[in-house]
Amino acid sequence: MITLEKIHELIEKSQNPLIFFDDDPDGLCSYLQIKKHFRKGYPVVIKSSPELNISYLKKIKEYSPDRYCRRIL
C-alpha cells in the first residue's frame, strides 16, 4: 500500500508529473490541491472511472511525463 509520504516524495522528485483525476468535484479538488502545493503537474480528467483504459495512453505519450499519478486519496 502506498502511503501519503511516498506519494509526496514521488511528486516532489518528479519534474513533469501527469495527474489523472476523476471528473467529479472531489477529483477536481484533489488536483487543485496537488497543483497548489507542488506548483507543477498536467491535469487529465478521467471519464471512464474507476479505471484507466487504453485511450489515456495518448495523453501519456503526448506530455511525456516522468511520472504519472492516479488520484488515490
PDB file of N, CA and C in Angstrom:
ATOM      1  N   MET A   1       0.840  -1.185   0.000  1.00  0.00           N
ATOM      2  CA  MET A   1       0.000   0.000   0.000  1.00  0.00           C
ATOM      3  C   MET A   1       0.887   1.252   0.000  1.00  0.00           C
ATOM      4  N   ILE A   2       0.522   2.210  -0.810  1.00  0.00           N
ATOM      5  CA  ILE A   2       1.274   3.460  -0.897  1.00  0.00           C
ATOM      6  C   ILE A   2       0.821   4.408   0.211  1.00  0.00           C
ATOM      7  N   THR A   3       1.777   5.015   0.886  1.00  0.00           N
ATOM      8  CA  THR A   3       1.469   5.961   1.956  1.00  0.00           C
ATOM      9  C   THR A   3       1.483   7.387   1.415  1.00  0.00           C
ATOM     10  N   LEU A   4       0.926   8.302   2.173  1.00  0.00           N
ATOM     11  CA  LEU A   4       0.943   9.712   1.780  1.00  0.00           C
ATOM     12  C   LEU A   4       2.370  10.235   1.658  1.00  0.00           C
ATOM     13  N   GLU A   5       3.245   9.757   2.526  1.00  0.00           N
ATOM     14  CA  GLU A   5       4.639  10.183   2.463  1.00  0.00           C
ATOM     15  C   GLU A   5       5.280   9.756   1.145  1.00  0.00           C
ATOM     16  N   LYS A   6       4.971   8.543   0.703  1.00  0.00           N
ATOM     17  CA  LYS A   6       5.522   8.036  -0.554  1.00  0.00           C
ATOM     18  C   LYS A   6       4.973   8.833  -1.744  1.00  0.00           C
ATOM     19  N   ILE A   7       3.685   9.151  -1.731  1.00  0.00           N
ATOM     20  CA  ILE A   7       3.078   9.955  -2.799  1.00  0.00           C
ATOM     21  C   ILE A   7       3.742  11.325  -2.848  1.00  0.00           C
ATOM     22  N   HIS A   8       3.903  11.940  -1.690  1.00  0.00           N
ATOM     23  CA  HIS A   8       4.544  13.258  -1.611  1.00  0.00           C
ATOM     24  C   HIS A   8       5.957  13.191  -2.186  1.00  0.00           C
ATOM     25  N   GLU A   9       6.693  12.171  -1.813  1.00  0.00           N
ATOM     26  CA  GLU A   9       8.066  12.008  -2.289  1.00  0.00           C
ATOM     27  C   GLU A   9       8.110  11.825  -3.811  1.00  0.00           C
ATOM     28  N   LEU A  10       7.213  11.016  -4.354  1.00  0.00           N
ATOM     29  CA  LEU A  10       7.195  10.771  -5.800  1.00  0.00           C
ATOM     30  C   LEU A  10       6.890  12.044  -6.585  1.00  0.00           C
ATOM     31  N   ILE A  11       5.901  12.805  -6.129  1.00  0.00           N
ATOM     32  CA  ILE A  11       5.551  14.041  -6.834  1.00  0.00           C
ATOM     33  C   ILE A  11       6.659  15.077  -6.670  1.00  0.00           C
ATOM     34  N   GLU A  12       7.217  15.159  -5.486  1.00  0.00           N
ATOM     35  CA  GLU A  12       8.288  16.129  -5.217  1.00  0.00           C
ATOM     36  C   GLU A  12       9.499  15.886  -6.120  1.00  0.00           C
ATOM     37  N   LYS A  13       9.858  14.633  -6.328  1.00  0.00           N
ATOM     38  CA  LYS A  13      11.031  14.293  -7.131  1.00  0.00           C
ATOM     39  C   LYS A  13      10.792  14.422  -8.633  1.00  0.00           C
ATOM     40  N   SER A  14       9.552  14.424  -9.053  1.00  0.00           N
ATOM     41  CA  SER A  14       9.267  14.477 -10.493  1.00  0.00           C
ATOM     42  C   SER A  14       9.415  15.900 -11.028  1.00  0.00           C
ATOM     43  N   GLN A  15       9.729  16.001 -12.296  1.00  0.00           N
ATOM     44  CA  GLN A  15       9.843  17.298 -12.960  1.00  0.00           C
ATOM     45  C   GLN A  15       8.578  17.639 -13.742  1.00  0.00           C
ATOM     46  N   ASN A  16       7.931  16.626 -14.300  1.00  0.00           N
ATOM     47  CA  ASN A  16       6.789  16.832 -15.180  1.00  0.00           C
ATOM     48  C   ASN A  16       5.727  15.758 -14.910  1.00  0.00           C
ATOM     49  N   PRO A  17       5.077  15.793 -13.731  1.00  0.00           N
ATOM     50  CA  PRO A  17       4.098  14.750 -13.426  1.00  0.00           C
ATOM     51  C   PRO A  17       2.801  14.933 -14.215  1.00  0.00           C
ATOM     52  N   LEU A  18       2.184  13.830 -14.562  1.00  0.00           N
ATOM     53  CA  LEU A  18       0.883  13.818 -15.215  1.00  0.00           C
ATOM     54  C   LEU A  18      -0.105  13.334 -14.169  1.00  0.00           C
ATOM     55  N   ILE A  19      -1.123  14.137 -13.875  1.00  0.00           N
ATOM     56  CA  ILE A  19      -2.027  13.836 -12.770  1.00  0.00           C
ATOM     57  C   ILE A  19      -3.407  13.502 -13.312  1.00  0.00           C
ATOM     58  N   PHE A  20      -3.827  12.251 -13.109  1.00  0.00           N
ATOM     59  CA  PHE A  20      -5.148  11.795 -13.514  1.00  0.00           C
ATOM     60  C   PHE A  20      -6.102  11.991 -12.341  1.00  0.00           C
ATOM     61  N   PHE A  21      -7.296  12.500 -12.624  1.00  0.00           N
ATOM     62  CA  PHE A  21      -8.279  12.661 -11.557  1.00  0.00           C
ATOM     63  C   PHE A  21      -9.684  12.457 -12.104  1.00  0.00           C
ATOM     64  N   ASP A  22     -10.602  12.055 -11.226  1.00  0.00           N
ATOM     65  CA  ASP A  22     -11.990  11.792 -11.604  1.00  0.00           C
ATOM     66  C   ASP A  22     -12.698  13.075 -12.012  1.00  0.00           C
ATOM     67  N   ASP A  23     -13.746  12.922 -12.810  1.00  0.00           N
ATOM     68  CA  ASP A  23     -14.495  14.081 -13.313  1.00  0.00           C
ATOM     69  C   ASP A  23     -15.630  14.485 -12.369  1.00  0.00           C
ATOM     70  N   ASP A  24     -15.340  14.502 -11.087  1.00  0.00           N
ATOM     71  CA  ASP A  24     -16.317  14.948 -10.098  1.00  0.00           C
ATOM     72  C   ASP A  24     -15.666  16.035  -9.229  1.00  0.00           C
ATOM     73  N   PRO A  25     -16.441  16.689  -8.376  1.00  0.00           N
ATOM     74  CA  PRO A  25     -15.863  17.763  -7.552  1.00  0.00           C
ATOM     75  C   PRO A  25     -14.698  17.303  -6.670  1.00  0.00           C
ATOM     76  N   ASP A  26     -14.778  16.085  -6.130  1.00  0.00           N
ATOM     77  CA  ASP A  26     -13.681  15.579  -5.293  1.00  0.00           C
ATOM     78  C   ASP A  26     -12.396  15.428  -6.096  1.00  0.00           C
ATOM     79  N   GLY A  27     -12.520  14.912  -7.312  1.00  0.00           N
ATOM     80  CA  GLY A  27     -11.351  14.744  -8.168  1.00  0.00           C
ATOM     81  C   GLY A  27     -10.717  16.074  -8.516  1.00  0.00           C
ATOM     82  N   LEU A  28     -11.550  17.047  -8.882  1.00  0.00           N
ATOM     83  CA  LEU A  28     -11.038  18.373  -9.223  1.00  0.00           C
ATOM     84  C   LEU A  28     -10.349  19.016  -8.024  1.00  0.00           C
ATOM     85  N   CYS A  29     -10.960  18.903  -6.852  1.00  0.00           N
ATOM     86  CA  CYS A  29     -10.347  19.473  -5.640  1.00  0.00           C
ATOM     87  C   CYS A  29      -9.009  18.806  -5.331  1.00  0.00           C
ATOM     88  N   SER A  30      -8.932  17.502  -5.528  1.00  0.00           N
ATOM     89  CA  SER A  30      -7.665  16.795  -5.304  1.00  0.00           C
ATOM     90  C   SER A  30      -6.586  17.322  -6.229  1.00  0.00           C
ATOM     91  N   TYR A  31      -6.931  17.480  -7.514  1.00  0.00           N
ATOM     92  CA  TYR A  31      -5.947  18.007  -8.464  1.00  0.00           C
ATOM     93  C   TYR A  31      -5.520  19.424  -8.070  1.00  0.00           C
ATOM     94  N   LEU A  32      -6.482  20.282  -7.737  1.00  0.00           N
ATOM     95  CA  LEU A  32      -6.160  21.671  -7.397  1.00  0.00           C
ATOM     96  C   LEU A  32      -5.266  21.760  -6.162  1.00  0.00           C
ATOM     97  N   GLN A  33      -5.484  20.878  -5.194  1.00  0.00           N
ATOM     98  CA  GLN A  33      -4.625  20.866  -4.006  1.00  0.00           C
ATOM     99  C   GLN A  33      -3.203  20.436  -4.357  1.00  0.00           C
ATOM    100  N   ILE A  34      -3.087  19.427  -5.211  1.00  0.00           N
ATOM    101  CA  ILE A  34      -1.752  18.985  -5.647  1.00  0.00           C
ATOM    102  C   ILE A  34      -1.057  20.102  -6.408  1.00  0.00           C
ATOM    103  N   LYS A  35      -1.782  20.739  -7.329  1.00  0.00           N
ATOM    104  CA  LYS A  35      -1.213  21.816  -8.143  1.00  0.00           C
ATOM    105  C   LYS A  35      -0.784  22.997  -7.270  1.00  0.00           C
ATOM    106  N   LYS A  36      -1.614  23.348  -6.284  1.00  0.00           N
ATOM    107  CA  LYS A  36      -1.290  24.471  -5.402  1.00  0.00           C
ATOM    108  C   LYS A  36      -0.050  24.165  -4.554  1.00  0.00           C
ATOM    109  N   HIS A  37       0.042  22.960  -4.054  1.00  0.00           N
ATOM    110  CA  HIS A  37       1.152  22.604  -3.170  1.00  0.00           C
ATOM    111  C   HIS A  37       2.469  22.436  -3.929  1.00  0.00           C
ATOM    112  N   PHE A  38       2.435  21.717  -5.043  1.00  0.00           N
ATOM    113  CA  PHE A  38       3.672  21.389  -5.756  1.00  0.00           C
ATOM    114  C   PHE A  38       3.992  22.347  -6.902  1.00  0.00           C
ATOM    115  N   ARG A  39       3.003  23.104  -7.361  1.00  0.00           N
ATOM    116  CA  ARG A  39       3.179  24.060  -8.461  1.00  0.00           C
ATOM    117  C   ARG A  39       3.717  23.410  -9.738  1.00  0.00           C
ATOM    118  N   LYS A  40       3.263  22.197  -9.987  1.00  0.00           N
ATOM    119  CA  LYS A  40       3.617  21.503 -11.221  1.00  0.00           C
ATOM    120  C   LYS A  40       2.613  20.385 -11.449  1.00  0.00           C
ATOM    121  N   GLY A  41       2.612  19.876 -12.656  1.00  0.00           N
ATOM    122  CA  GLY A  41       1.720  18.779 -12.996  1.00  0.00           C
ATOM    123  C   GLY A  41       0.719  19.173 -14.058  1.00  0.00           C
ATOM    124  N   TYR A  42       0.464  18.257 -14.983  1.00  0.00           N
ATOM    125  CA  TYR A  42      -0.511  18.491 -16.036  1.00  0.00           C
ATOM    126  C   TYR A  42      -1.755  17.663 -15.733  1.00  0.00           C
ATOM    127  N   PRO A  43      -2.951  18.268 -15.793  1.00  0.00           N
ATOM    128  CA  PRO A  43      -4.176  17.550 -15.441  1.00  0.00           C
ATOM    129  C   PRO A  43      -4.739  16.712 -16.589  1.00  0.00           C
ATOM    130  N   VAL A  44      -5.268  15.540 -16.241  1.00  0.00           N
ATOM    131  CA  VAL A  44      -6.014  14.707 -17.182  1.00  0.00           C
ATOM    132  C   VAL A  44      -7.249  14.202 -16.450  1.00  0.00           C
ATOM    133  N   VAL A  45      -8.420  14.577 -16.948  1.00  0.00           N
ATOM    134  CA  VAL A  45      -9.682  14.164 -16.337  1.00  0.00           C
ATOM    135  C   VAL A  45     -10.018  12.746 -16.786  1.00  0.00           C
ATOM    136  N   ILE A  46     -10.368  11.885 -15.836  1.00  0.00           N
ATOM    137  CA  ILE A  46     -10.748  10.506 -16.138  1.00  0.00           C
ATOM    138  C   ILE A  46     -12.264  10.437 -16.239  1.00  0.00           C
ATOM    139  N   LYS A  47     -12.747  10.087 -17.394  1.00  0.00           N
ATOM    140  CA  LYS A  47     -14.187   9.984 -17.599  1.00  0.00           C
ATOM    141  C   LYS A  47     -14.650   8.537 -17.578  1.00  0.00           C
ATOM    142  N   SER A  48     -13.727   7.601 -17.528  1.00  0.00           N
ATOM    143  CA  SER A  48     -14.084   6.178 -17.536  1.00  0.00           C
ATOM    144  C   SER A  48     -13.824   5.546 -16.172  1.00  0.00           C
ATOM    145  N   SER A  49     -14.152   6.269 -15.125  1.00  0.00           N
ATOM    146  CA  SER A  49     -13.896   5.795 -13.768  1.00  0.00           C
ATOM    147  C   SER A  49     -14.495   4.415 -13.568  1.00  0.00           C
ATOM    148  N   PRO A  50     -13.951   3.572 -12.771  1.00  0.00           N
ATOM    149  CA  PRO A  50     -12.850   3.753 -11.839  1.00  0.00           C
ATOM    150  C   PRO A  50     -11.488   3.345 -12.381  1.00  0.00           C
ATOM    151  N   GLU A  51     -11.372   3.042 -13.647  1.00  0.00           N
ATOM    152  CA  GLU A  51     -10.067   2.604 -14.140  1.00  0.00           C
ATOM    153  C   GLU A  51      -9.662   3.335 -15.409  1.00  0.00           C
ATOM    154  N   LEU A  52      -8.372   3.346 -15.646  1.00  0.00           N
ATOM    155  CA  LEU A  52      -7.842   3.949 -16.866  1.00  0.00           C
ATOM    156  C   LEU A  52      -7.924   2.918 -17.982  1.00  0.00           C
ATOM    157  N   ASN A  53      -8.279   3.372 -19.179  1.00  0.00           N
ATOM    158  CA  ASN A  53      -8.292   2.462 -20.318  1.00  0.00           C
ATOM    159  C   ASN A  53      -7.245   2.899 -21.338  1.00  0.00           C
ATOM    160  N   ILE A  54      -7.191   2.213 -22.431  1.00  0.00           N
ATOM    161  CA  ILE A  54      -6.144   2.437 -23.434  1.00  0.00           C
ATOM    162  C   ILE A  54      -6.175   3.832 -24.045  1.00  0.00           C
ATOM    163  N   SER A  55      -7.316   4.497 -24.018  1.00  0.00           N
ATOM    164  CA  SER A  55      -7.415   5.830 -24.623  1.00  0.00           C
ATOM    165  C   SER A  55      -6.538   6.866 -23.912  1.00  0.00           C
ATOM    166  N   TYR A  56      -6.168   6.609 -22.687  1.00  0.00           N
ATOM    167  CA  TYR A  56      -5.338   7.554 -21.937  1.00  0.00           C
ATOM    168  C   TYR A  56      -3.853   7.445 -22.284  1.00  0.00           C
ATOM    169  N   LEU A  57      -3.478   6.419 -23.032  1.00  0.00           N
ATOM    170  CA  LEU A  57      -2.082   6.302 -23.465  1.00  0.00           C
ATOM    171  C   LEU A  57      -1.670   7.475 -24.340  1.00  0.00           C
ATOM    172  N   LYS A  58      -2.615   8.021 -25.096  1.00  0.00           N
ATOM    173  CA  LYS A  58      -2.324   9.179 -25.950  1.00  0.00           C
ATOM    174  C   LYS A  58      -1.826  10.351 -25.106  1.00  0.00           C
ATOM    175  N   LYS A  59      -2.483  10.599 -23.976  1.00  0.00           N
ATOM    176  CA  LYS A  59      -2.067  11.692 -23.085  1.00  0.00           C
ATOM    177  C   LYS A  59      -0.675  11.437 -22.515  1.00  0.00           C
ATOM    178  N   ILE A  60      -0.403  10.191 -22.169  1.00  0.00           N
ATOM    179  CA  ILE A  60       0.909   9.862 -21.621  1.00  0.00           C
ATOM    180  C   ILE A  60       1.987  10.107 -22.671  1.00  0.00           C
ATOM    181  N   LYS A  61       1.738   9.668 -23.894  1.00  0.00           N
ATOM    182  CA  LYS A  61       2.714   9.889 -24.973  1.00  0.00           C
ATOM    183  C   LYS A  61       2.833  11.368 -25.322  1.00  0.00           C
ATOM    184  N   GLU A  62       1.708  12.086 -25.308  1.00  0.00           N
ATOM    185  CA  GLU A  62       1.683  13.498 -25.694  1.00  0.00           C
ATOM    186  C   GLU A  62       2.497  14.376 -24.747  1.00  0.00           C
ATOM    187  N   TYR A  63       2.393  14.145 -23.456  1.00  0.00           N
ATOM    188  CA  TYR A  63       3.041  15.017 -22.475  1.00  0.00           C
ATOM    189  C   TYR A  63       4.345  14.462 -21.926  1.00  0.00           C
ATOM    190  N   SER A  64       4.684  13.246 -22.255  1.00  0.00           N
ATOM    191  CA  SER A  64       5.944  12.616 -21.836  1.00  0.00           C
ATOM    192  C   SER A  64       6.295  12.908 -20.378  1.00  0.00           C
ATOM    193  N   PRO A  65       5.424  12.520 -19.456  1.00  0.00           N
ATOM    194  CA  PRO A  65       5.726  12.790 -18.049  1.00  0.00           C
ATOM    195  C   PRO A  65       6.833  11.879 -17.536  1.00  0.00           C
ATOM    196  N   ASP A  66       7.533  12.350 -16.517  1.00  0.00           N
ATOM    197  CA  ASP A  66       8.488  11.467 -15.873  1.00  0.00           C
ATOM    198  C   ASP A  66       7.781  10.611 -14.825  1.00  0.00           C
ATOM    199  N   ARG A  67       6.602  11.038 -14.414  1.00  0.00           N
ATOM    200  CA  ARG A  67       5.744  10.256 -13.516  1.00  0.00           C
ATOM    201  C   ARG A  67       4.295  10.571 -13.840  1.00  0.00           C
ATOM    202  N   TYR A  68       3.421   9.620 -13.557  1.00  0.00           N
ATOM    203  CA  TYR A  68       2.001   9.906 -13.656  1.00  0.00           C
ATOM    204  C   TYR A  68       1.307   9.331 -12.434  1.00  0.00           C
ATOM    205  N   CYS A  69       0.347  10.069 -11.935  1.00  0.00           N
ATOM    206  CA  CYS A  69      -0.301   9.742 -10.672  1.00  0.00           C
ATOM    207  C   CYS A  69      -1.799   9.617 -10.872  1.00  0.00           C
ATOM    208  N   ARG A  70      -2.370   8.572 -10.373  1.00  0.00           N
ATOM    209  CA  ARG A  70      -3.810   8.386 -10.374  1.00  0.00           C
ATOM    210  C   ARG A  70      -4.286   8.824  -9.008  1.00  0.00           C
ATOM    211  N   ARG A  71      -5.350   9.612  -8.963  1.00  0.00           N
ATOM    212  CA  ARG A  71      -5.867  10.071  -7.672  1.00  0.00           C
ATOM    213  C   ARG A  71      -6.218   8.856  -6.831  1.00  0.00           C
ATOM    214  N   ILE A  72      -5.580   8.711  -5.688  1.00  0.00           N
ATOM    215  CA  ILE A  72      -5.812   7.538  -4.856  1.00  0.00           C
ATOM    216  C   ILE A  72      -6.279   7.913  -3.457  1.00  0.00           C
ATOM    217  N   LEU A  73      -6.491   9.167  -3.219  1.00  0.00           N
ATOM    218  CA  LEU A  73      -6.933   9.589  -1.888  1.00  0.00           C
ATOM    219  C   LEU A  73      -8.429   9.680  -1.833  1.00  0.00           C
TER     220      LEU A  73
END
